[in-house]
Protein backbone atom coordinates (compact mmCIF):
# COMPACT_ATOMS: atom_id res chain seq x y z
CA MET A 1 0.00 0.00 0.00
CA LEU A 2 2.80 2.42 0.94
CA GLY A 3 4.51 1.68 -2.38
CA TRP A 4 1.41 2.69 -4.35
CA LEU A 5 0.95 5.88 -2.33
CA ILE A 6 4.58 6.88 -2.90
CA THR A 7 4.31 6.12 -6.63
CA ILE A 8 1.18 8.26 -6.97
CA TYR A 9 2.79 11.07 -4.99
CA ALA A 10 5.94 10.90 -7.16
CA LEU A 11 3.89 11.15 -10.36
CA LEU A 12 1.86 14.09 -9.03
CA PHE A 13 4.99 15.86 -7.79
CA ALA A 14 6.73 15.30 -11.14
CA PHE A 15 3.74 16.79 -12.97
CA LEU A 16 3.70 19.76 -10.59
CA THR A 17 7.44 20.30 -11.05
CA TRP A 18 7.02 20.32 -14.82
CA ARG A 19 4.12 22.78 -14.68
CA ARG A 20 5.14 24.97 -11.72
CA PHE A 21 8.78 24.58 -10.71
CA ASP A 22 8.36 27.39 -8.18
CA VAL A 23 5.55 25.62 -6.31
CA ALA A 24 7.47 22.33 -6.33
CA LEU A 25 10.50 23.99 -4.76
CA ALA A 26 8.36 25.64 -2.09
CA ILE A 27 6.77 22.25 -1.28
CA PHE A 28 10.23 20.70 -1.07
CA PHE A 29 11.30 23.11 1.67
CA PHE A 30 7.92 22.80 3.36
CA ALA A 31 8.45 19.05 3.54
CA LEU A 32 12.07 18.97 4.80
CA PRO A 33 11.17 16.57 7.66
CA SER A 34 9.84 14.07 5.09
CA TYR A 35 13.30 12.48 4.99
CA LEU A 36 11.92 10.42 7.89
CA ILE A 37 9.64 8.59 5.42
CA ARG A 38 12.00 5.87 4.23
CA PHE A 39 11.54 3.16 1.60
CA ASN A 40 13.48 1.20 -0.99
CA VAL A 41 13.63 1.60 -4.75
CA GLY A 42 14.70 -1.90 -5.71
CA HIS A 43 17.58 -2.59 -3.33
CA LEU A 44 18.47 1.07 -2.85
CA PRO A 45 17.25 2.82 0.31
CA THR A 46 15.89 6.33 -0.14
CA THR A 47 13.50 8.85 1.43
CA LEU A 48 10.52 10.90 0.33
CA LEU A 49 12.59 14.08 0.54
CA GLU A 50 15.31 12.54 -1.61
CA MET A 51 12.72 11.44 -4.16
CA MET A 52 11.43 15.02 -4.46
CA PHE A 53 15.01 16.27 -4.73
CA GLY A 54 15.66 13.83 -7.58
CA ILE A 55 12.57 14.96 -9.50
CA ILE A 56 13.50 18.64 -9.10
CA THR A 57 17.08 17.96 -10.18
CA ILE A 58 16.05 16.01 -13.29
CA ASP A 59 13.68 18.79 -14.35
CA TRP A 60 16.40 21.39 -13.71
CA VAL A 61 18.92 19.47 -15.84
CA VAL A 62 16.67 18.36 -18.70
CA ARG A 63 14.65 21.50 -19.37
CA TYR A 64 16.96 24.33 -18.40
CA HIS A 65 20.53 23.01 -18.62
CA LYS A 66 21.81 25.54 -21.19
CA ARG A 67 20.43 28.61 -19.42
CA ASN A 68 21.40 27.20 -16.01
CA MET A 69 24.97 26.56 -17.19
CA ALA A 70 25.26 30.18 -18.28
CA HIS A 71 23.87 31.41 -14.93
CA GLY A 72 26.15 29.03 -13.05
CA THR A 73 29.26 30.24 -14.86
CA TRP A 74 28.27 33.85 -14.19
CA ASN A 75 27.77 33.16 -10.48
CA ILE A 76 31.09 31.32 -10.19
CA ARG A 77 32.89 34.33 -11.65
CA ARG A 78 31.10 36.66 -9.22
CA HIS A 79 31.74 34.46 -6.16
CA LYS A 80 35.08 32.74 -6.77
CA THR A 81 35.98 32.53 -3.08
CA LEU A 82 32.74 30.75 -2.22
CA PHE A 83 32.95 28.23 -5.05
CA CYS A 84 36.61 27.47 -4.27
CA ALA A 85 35.59 26.85 -0.65
CA ILE A 86 32.72 24.61 -1.81
CA ALA A 87 35.09 22.64 -4.05
CA LEU A 88 37.47 22.18 -1.11
CA PHE A 89 34.60 21.16 1.17
CA LEU A 90 33.19 18.66 -1.33
CA LEU A 91 36.65 17.25 -2.16
CA ALA A 92 37.28 16.68 1.55
CA ALA A 93 33.93 14.89 1.88
CA THR A 94 34.84 12.65 -1.08
CA VAL A 95 38.26 11.80 0.36
CA SER A 96 36.64 11.06 3.72
CA VAL A 97 34.48 8.36 2.12
CA PHE A 98 37.62 6.34 1.45
CA ASN A 99 38.95 7.03 4.95
CA SER A 100 35.84 5.45 6.41
CA THR A 101 35.57 2.04 8.04
CA HIS A 102 31.99 1.67 6.76
CA LEU A 103 32.02 2.41 3.04
CA ARG A 104 28.30 2.00 2.38
CA ALA A 105 27.26 4.20 5.32
CA ALA A 106 29.91 6.75 4.31
CA MET A 107 28.56 6.88 0.76
CA GLY A 108 25.09 7.50 2.18
CA GLU A 109 26.33 10.42 4.31
CA TRP A 110 28.39 11.80 1.40
CA LYS A 111 25.32 11.82 -0.83
CA THR A 112 22.82 13.08 1.76
CA PHE A 113 24.78 15.65 3.77
CA TYR A 114 27.16 17.04 1.15
CA VAL A 115 26.31 16.33 -2.50
CA GLU A 116 22.53 16.79 -2.49
CA PRO A 117 22.44 20.03 -0.41
CA ILE A 118 25.16 21.57 -2.59
CA VAL A 119 23.28 20.56 -5.75
CA MET A 120 20.15 22.20 -4.32
CA PHE A 121 22.24 25.30 -3.65
CA LEU A 122 23.31 25.30 -7.31
CA ILE A 123 19.71 24.79 -8.48
CA ILE A 124 18.56 27.87 -6.58
CA VAL A 125 21.39 30.19 -7.63
CA THR A 126 21.19 29.22 -11.31
CA MET A 127 17.44 29.20 -11.95
CA SER A 128 16.03 31.20 -14.79
CA PRO A 129 12.90 33.41 -14.62
CA GLN A 130 11.02 30.81 -16.68
CA GLN A 131 11.50 28.24 -13.92
CA PHE A 132 9.89 30.60 -11.45
CA ASN A 133 6.95 31.45 -13.66
CA ASN A 134 8.68 34.72 -14.65
CA LEU A 135 8.59 36.03 -11.10
CA THR A 136 11.06 38.65 -9.92
CA ILE A 137 14.04 37.70 -7.77
CA LYS A 138 12.33 38.94 -4.61
CA GLN A 139 9.10 37.07 -5.37
CA SER A 140 11.03 33.88 -6.09
CA LYS A 141 12.94 34.11 -2.84
CA ASN A 142 9.80 34.85 -0.82
CA PHE A 143 8.09 31.82 -2.34
CA ILE A 144 10.83 29.53 -1.02
CA ILE A 145 10.78 31.24 2.37
CA PHE A 146 7.01 30.82 2.67
CA GLY A 147 7.33 27.06 2.13
CA LEU A 148 10.04 26.83 4.78
CA VAL A 149 8.11 28.93 7.31
CA ALA A 150 4.90 26.94 6.77
CA GLY A 151 6.82 23.71 7.36
CA GLY A 152 8.22 25.17 10.57
CA LEU A 153 4.71 26.09 11.72
CA VAL A 154 3.40 22.55 11.24
CA THR A 155 6.38 21.09 13.11
CA SER A 156 5.89 23.61 15.94
CA LEU A 157 2.21 22.82 16.32
CA LEU A 158 2.97 19.10 16.52
CA ALA A 159 5.57 19.67 19.26
CA ILE A 160 3.16 21.86 21.23
CA TYR A 161 0.41 19.24 20.90
CA GLN A 162 2.85 16.58 22.10
CA HIS A 163 3.66 18.62 25.19
CA PHE A 164 0.07 18.30 26.37
CA THR A 165 -0.72 14.81 25.08
CA GLY A 166 2.53 12.86 24.67
CA TRP A 167 1.41 11.66 21.24
CA MET A 168 4.31 10.09 19.26
CA VAL A 169 6.84 10.91 22.01
CA PRO A 170 9.21 7.94 22.58
CA GLU A 171 8.91 6.20 25.93
CA ALA A 172 12.37 7.39 27.00
CA PHE A 173 11.19 11.00 26.91
CA TRP A 174 7.61 10.39 28.08
CA ALA A 175 8.00 8.07 31.06
CA ASN A 176 9.79 10.51 33.36
CA GLN A 177 7.75 13.70 33.77
CA ASN A 178 10.77 15.52 35.22
CA THR A 179 12.70 15.12 31.99
CA TYR A 180 9.75 14.98 29.57
CA ARG A 181 10.57 16.69 26.26
CA ALA A 182 8.64 17.10 22.99
CA THR A 183 10.24 15.47 19.95
CA ALA A 184 7.90 16.35 17.02
CA TRP A 185 8.55 14.06 14.04
CA TYR A 186 12.12 13.27 14.95
CA GLY A 187 12.11 10.97 17.94
CA PHE A 188 14.66 13.04 19.87
CA PRO A 189 14.13 16.54 21.30
CA ASN A 190 17.22 18.47 20.21
CA ALA A 191 16.18 17.99 16.57
CA VAL A 192 13.16 20.20 17.23
CA GLY A 193 15.27 23.18 18.30
CA LEU A 194 17.94 22.70 15.65
CA PHE A 195 15.30 22.77 12.90
CA LEU A 196 13.01 25.51 14.20
CA ALA A 197 15.44 28.07 15.66
CA PRO A 198 17.03 29.09 12.30
CA ILE A 199 13.55 29.37 10.72
CA ILE A 200 12.35 32.06 13.14
CA PRO A 201 14.37 34.87 11.44
CA PHE A 202 12.74 33.79 8.15
CA ALA A 203 9.33 34.08 9.82
CA VAL A 204 10.17 37.59 11.07
CA TYR A 205 11.28 38.60 7.56
CA SER A 206 8.13 37.12 6.00
CA THR A 207 5.94 38.92 8.55
CA ILE A 208 7.49 42.33 7.85
CA GLN A 209 7.58 41.96 4.07
CA THR A 210 4.05 40.56 3.77
CA TRP A 211 2.60 43.28 6.01
CA LYS A 212 4.23 45.93 3.82
CA LYS A 213 2.72 44.28 0.74
CA ILE A 214 -0.74 44.28 2.27
CA GLN A 215 -0.38 47.92 3.28
CA SER A 216 0.63 48.88 -0.26
CA HIS A 217 -2.44 47.22 -1.81
CA LYS A 218 -5.74 49.05 -1.39
CA LEU A 219 -8.96 47.04 -1.32
CA SER A 220 -10.49 46.88 -4.76
CA VAL A 221 -13.56 45.44 -6.40
CA ILE A 222 -11.25 43.75 -8.90
CA SER A 223 -11.35 40.05 -8.06
CA HIS A 224 -7.67 39.25 -8.69
CA LYS A 225 -6.60 41.95 -6.24
CA LYS A 226 -8.89 40.49 -3.61
CA LEU A 227 -7.39 37.09 -4.30
CA LYS A 228 -3.87 38.51 -3.99
CA LEU A 229 -4.74 40.15 -0.67
CA THR A 230 -6.17 36.83 0.55
CA ALA A 231 -2.91 35.07 -0.36
CA TYR A 232 -0.91 37.74 1.44
CA GLY A 233 -3.21 37.34 4.45
CA LEU A 234 -2.56 33.59 4.59
CA ARG A 235 1.17 34.15 4.27
CA LEU A 236 1.11 36.76 7.03
CA THR A 237 -0.93 34.51 9.31
CA ALA A 238 1.49 31.62 8.84
CA ALA A 239 4.53 33.82 9.49
CA VAL A 240 3.05 35.52 12.56
CA LEU A 241 1.98 32.20 14.12
CA THR A 242 5.32 30.55 13.41
CA ILE A 243 7.28 32.92 15.65
CA PRO A 244 5.59 32.19 19.02
CA ALA A 245 4.75 28.59 18.07
CA SER A 246 8.40 27.81 17.30
CA ILE A 247 9.60 29.42 20.52
CA PHE A 248 7.11 27.38 22.57
CA ALA A 249 8.05 24.20 20.68
CA ILE A 250 11.77 24.73 21.35
CA TYR A 251 11.00 25.43 25.02
CA PHE A 252 8.85 22.30 25.32
CA ALA A 253 11.68 20.31 23.71
CA LYS A 254 14.01 21.81 26.36
CA SER A 255 16.63 22.47 23.71
CA THR A 256 18.85 24.91 25.60
CA GLY A 257 21.44 25.21 22.84
CA ALA A 258 18.77 26.21 20.33
CA LEU A 259 17.28 28.77 22.74
CA ILE A 260 20.72 30.33 23.32
CA GLY A 261 21.34 30.34 19.57
CA LEU A 262 17.98 32.01 19.01
CA ALA A 263 18.79 34.65 21.63
CA ALA A 264 22.14 35.30 19.93
CA GLY A 265 20.43 35.65 16.54
CA LEU A 266 17.93 38.13 18.00
CA LEU A 267 20.68 40.20 19.62
CA PHE A 268 22.61 40.17 16.34
CA PHE A 269 19.54 41.40 14.46
CA LEU A 270 18.75 44.15 16.98
CA PHE A 271 22.38 45.31 17.05
CA PHE A 272 22.17 46.15 13.34
CA TYR A 273 18.56 47.35 13.32
CA ASN A 274 19.00 50.92 14.62
CA LYS A 275 20.88 52.98 17.19
CA LYS A 276 18.31 52.58 19.96
CA SER A 277 18.14 48.81 19.61
CA ARG A 278 21.94 48.68 19.46
CA LEU A 279 22.13 50.42 22.82
CA ILE A 280 19.51 48.05 24.23
CA VAL A 281 21.54 45.04 23.04
CA CYS A 282 24.66 46.35 24.79
CA LEU A 283 22.75 47.00 28.02
CA VAL A 284 20.95 43.64 27.97
CA SER A 285 24.23 41.82 27.28
CA LEU A 286 25.97 43.64 30.12
CA VAL A 287 23.12 42.98 32.56
CA GLY A 288 22.99 39.34 31.48
CA ILE A 289 26.72 38.80 32.05
CA VAL A 290 26.66 40.54 35.43
CA SER A 291 23.57 38.57 36.50
CA LEU A 292 25.14 35.27 35.45
CA VAL A 293 28.33 35.99 37.36
CA SER A 294 26.34 37.07 40.42
CA LEU A 295 24.29 33.89 40.63
CA PRO A 296 25.34 31.38 43.31
CA THR A 297 27.53 28.50 42.19
CA ASN A 298 24.80 25.89 42.69
CA ASN A 299 22.21 27.78 40.64
CA PRO A 300 20.90 25.35 37.94
CA VAL A 301 20.73 28.05 35.24
CA LYS A 302 24.33 29.07 35.87
CA GLN A 303 25.48 25.47 35.94
CA GLU A 304 23.75 24.72 32.65
CA LEU A 305 25.07 27.81 30.85
CA LEU A 306 28.62 27.24 32.14
CA LEU A 307 28.50 23.51 31.31
CA GLN A 308 28.77 22.57 34.98
CA ASP A 309 25.70 20.32 35.09
CA ARG A 310 25.66 16.68 33.98
CA SER A 311 24.82 17.50 30.36
CA GLY A 312 27.62 20.07 30.22
CA GLN A 313 30.12 17.69 31.78
CA ILE A 314 29.22 15.04 29.21
CA ARG A 315 29.83 17.53 26.42
CA LEU A 316 33.17 18.55 27.88
CA GLY A 317 34.11 14.89 28.05
CA ILE A 318 33.09 14.35 24.40
CA TRP A 319 35.08 17.39 23.27
CA ASN A 320 38.14 16.30 25.25
CA GLU A 321 38.22 12.78 23.81
CA THR A 322 37.55 14.13 20.30
CA TRP A 323 40.43 16.57 20.69
CA GLU A 324 42.74 13.76 21.81
CA PHE A 325 41.71 11.78 18.72
CA LEU A 326 42.27 14.78 16.41
CA LYS A 327 45.75 15.37 17.84
CA ASP A 328 46.65 11.89 16.56
CA ASN A 329 44.64 12.24 13.30
CA PRO A 330 44.67 15.98 12.43
CA ILE A 331 44.73 15.73 8.63
CA LEU A 332 42.19 13.06 7.71
CA GLY A 333 40.08 12.89 10.86
CA ALA A 334 37.92 9.80 11.28
CA GLY A 335 36.20 9.77 7.89
CA LEU A 336 32.48 9.70 7.23
CA ALA A 337 30.29 7.42 9.39
CA SER A 338 33.32 6.29 11.41
CA TYR A 339 33.44 8.55 14.46
CA GLN A 340 31.74 6.12 16.84
CA GLU A 341 34.14 3.30 16.05
CA LYS A 342 37.40 5.24 15.83
CA ILE A 343 36.80 7.22 19.01
CA LYS A 344 36.53 4.05 21.15
CA PRO A 345 40.23 3.93 22.17
CA TYR A 346 39.91 7.55 23.36
CA HIS A 347 36.56 7.17 25.11
CA THR A 348 36.61 8.01 28.82
CA THR A 349 34.19 8.09 31.72
CA VAL A 350 32.58 11.33 32.95
CA ASN A 351 32.56 11.64 36.74
CA ASN A 352 33.09 7.86 36.91
CA GLU A 353 29.98 7.38 34.76
CA ASN A 354 30.30 5.28 31.62
CA ILE A 355 28.63 7.41 28.93
CA GLU A 356 27.55 6.05 25.55
CA ILE A 357 29.48 7.05 22.44
CA PHE A 358 27.42 9.52 20.45
CA HIS A 359 27.21 9.80 16.66
CA HIS A 360 29.06 13.12 16.59
CA PRO A 361 31.04 15.32 19.03
CA HIS A 362 28.24 17.86 19.63
CA ASN A 363 30.14 20.81 18.20
CA ILE A 364 29.73 21.85 14.57
CA PHE A 365 33.42 22.68 14.05
CA LEU A 366 34.71 19.51 15.73
CA THR A 367 32.13 17.54 13.74
CA MET A 368 33.37 18.97 10.45
CA TRP A 369 36.98 18.33 11.40
CA VAL A 370 36.46 14.76 12.59
CA ASN A 371 34.23 13.86 9.61
CA LEU A 372 36.01 15.70 6.79
CA GLY A 373 39.53 16.20 8.06
CA LEU A 374 41.44 19.47 8.21
CA MET A 375 40.72 20.28 4.54
CA GLY A 376 36.97 20.02 5.13
CA LEU A 377 37.14 22.18 8.25
CA ILE A 378 39.06 24.87 6.33
CA GLY A 379 36.51 24.73 3.50
CA PHE A 380 33.65 25.07 5.97
CA ILE A 381 35.26 28.04 7.75
CA LEU A 382 35.91 29.74 4.39
CA ILE A 383 32.21 29.33 3.51
CA ILE A 384 31.24 30.97 6.81
CA ILE A 385 33.73 33.81 6.28
CA TRP A 386 32.40 34.40 2.75
CA PHE A 387 28.85 34.41 4.07
CA PHE A 388 29.38 37.12 6.68
CA LYS A 389 31.71 39.16 4.47
CA THR A 390 29.12 39.12 1.69
CA SER A 391 26.36 39.97 4.17
CA TRP A 392 28.33 42.99 5.34
CA ASN A 393 29.02 44.06 1.74
CA ASN A 394 25.30 43.80 0.99
CA LEU A 395 24.55 46.15 3.86
CA THR A 396 27.24 48.69 3.07
CA ILE A 397 26.74 48.68 -0.71
CA LEU A 398 22.93 48.82 -0.65
CA HIS A 399 22.68 51.21 2.30
CA PRO A 400 26.06 52.93 2.81
CA ARG A 401 24.66 55.61 5.12
CA ARG A 402 22.41 53.34 7.15
CA ILE A 403 25.31 51.37 8.57
CA SER A 404 26.25 54.37 10.68
CA LEU A 405 22.69 55.60 11.19
CA GLY A 406 21.12 52.23 11.87
CA LEU A 407 19.16 49.77 9.73
CA LYS A 408 15.61 50.77 10.68
CA GLN A 409 13.01 49.23 8.39
CA PHE A 410 15.71 47.44 6.45
CA ASN A 411 13.99 45.94 3.42
CA ASN A 412 16.23 43.22 2.01
CA SER A 413 16.70 39.78 3.53
CA THR A 414 20.44 40.01 4.26
CA ILE A 415 20.16 40.80 7.96
CA TYR A 416 17.61 38.01 8.47
CA LEU A 417 19.80 35.47 6.65
CA ALA A 418 22.81 36.53 8.73
CA SER A 419 20.73 36.22 11.91
CA SER A 420 19.72 32.70 10.92
CA MET A 421 23.37 31.76 10.35
CA VAL A 422 24.25 33.18 13.78
CA VAL A 423 21.55 30.95 15.30
CA ILE A 424 23.07 27.89 13.59
CA LEU A 425 26.65 28.66 14.61
CA VAL A 426 25.87 29.54 18.22
CA ALA A 427 23.66 26.45 18.66
CA GLY A 428 26.47 24.58 16.90
CA LEU A 429 28.85 25.31 19.75
CA VAL A 430 27.06 22.63 21.79
CA ASP A 431 25.51 20.52 19.01
CA SER A 432 25.90 19.70 15.31
CA PRO A 433 23.14 21.52 13.37
CA TYR A 434 24.31 20.19 9.99
CA ILE A 435 24.57 16.40 10.15
CA LYS A 436 20.93 15.72 9.39
CA ASN A 437 19.08 15.69 6.06
CA ASP A 438 16.84 18.70 6.71
CA LEU A 439 19.53 20.71 8.52
CA ALA A 440 22.05 20.32 5.70
CA MET A 441 19.45 21.56 3.18
CA LEU A 442 18.55 24.46 5.48
CA PHE A 443 22.21 25.43 5.90
CA TRP A 444 22.85 25.62 2.15
CA LEU A 445 19.66 27.58 1.57
CA LEU A 446 21.24 30.55 3.41
CA PRO A 447 24.16 31.21 1.01
CA ALA A 448 21.86 30.49 -1.95
CA LEU A 449 19.37 33.18 -0.90
CA LEU A 450 22.23 35.54 -0.07
CA ILE A 451 23.50 35.23 -3.65
CA LEU A 452 20.01 35.96 -4.97
CA GLN A 453 19.89 39.02 -2.73
CA LYS A 454 23.35 40.22 -3.73
CA ASN A 455 23.50 39.93 -7.48
CA GLY A 456 20.24 38.50 -8.82
CA GLY A 457 21.01 34.81 -9.12
CA ILE A 458 17.81 34.54 -11.20
CA VAL A 459 18.86 36.67 -14.13
CA GLN A 460 16.06 38.75 -15.56
CA LYS A 461 15.15 38.74 -19.23
């Protein structure tokens, strides 16, 4: 039965992609968690998300390859540093496949976490206006963002519902009410925060932009304008609801790293918004630091933030044993899908407690280094440097005076994209918000949209 349903869905999605590539891409980002729906095509394992990716890629190659090649070459010339960093990153991932002790699992990670997200990045930055139904760059970008925000809203509502009912929550997180945490679709709570926290800046951007659109359209007896206003109203409703719903969902999942990352992203946004908010950020940061220092040593909040509680001690232990491994294997690391096995000789107890070996070292930079080796870590850092340098250039080039006067009512998406990246990196200090199908796609969406914002990745006719 499942096979027939998937076949029918694939045919319908293929038809939709052929007729409306823009809608198909929005649905793809709406359905990022659908990688959890797994099945086999013959003897090959795959997921629903991967199936949609394959259909989009085939359409992109077959129908638009000549125009996309021209756009791709143009973008490479404009962003040489980024594409060199991507080449280094992808080369390191390829080398790490052959440094793995589990070749088949390594090939799966190579395809899912590195090749497919980068291909999706290329699809977005090389699309032609015809693929997006002749929409403008801004309309195209907003279409993708709407799909992502709507997907975040659905995930948030599920997590909130779980908090009150326990529906679909694994026994390990449901049995003990003192440690009960919502898990949404994922089966483990941290995945909720890692997925939702970077989406909140997108929801803020969509709220502001959609409200401005509604304000600029006067009510008219013309039916298509009423329809347009209705569509804007639905988009605004989804964006507005996503912000509090996501925050509640992250809180109910008790994902502290994601909450801290979200707070850092908000402070980053407010610092660049205007002079008044910049002053508020400085004061709030100062008060927060003083308050944290002033708390008694046994305060649970202080212990958690300073990694002095059990969870923090476990992370410190993981980082220490990973560092000891990397000192002996600095160039190649462990290889893909090999961390758990190769870290065994370095594994230690934490406060005389024998802790399980986790899939990754719970730090995005250590994870990149141990999975991809030193070359992959350098490539990843260069991508991050390019991202923030390009974000700053977007701000100074588009609004040279507003950098000193503040960014009040800033209209382009740069500051929101940068805020989302800050959320990922800060949360990544205590977790790995990349090594998961949906998170890898979400990460590569940020530089793709930044390129569209900077130089019009969808070249107009």
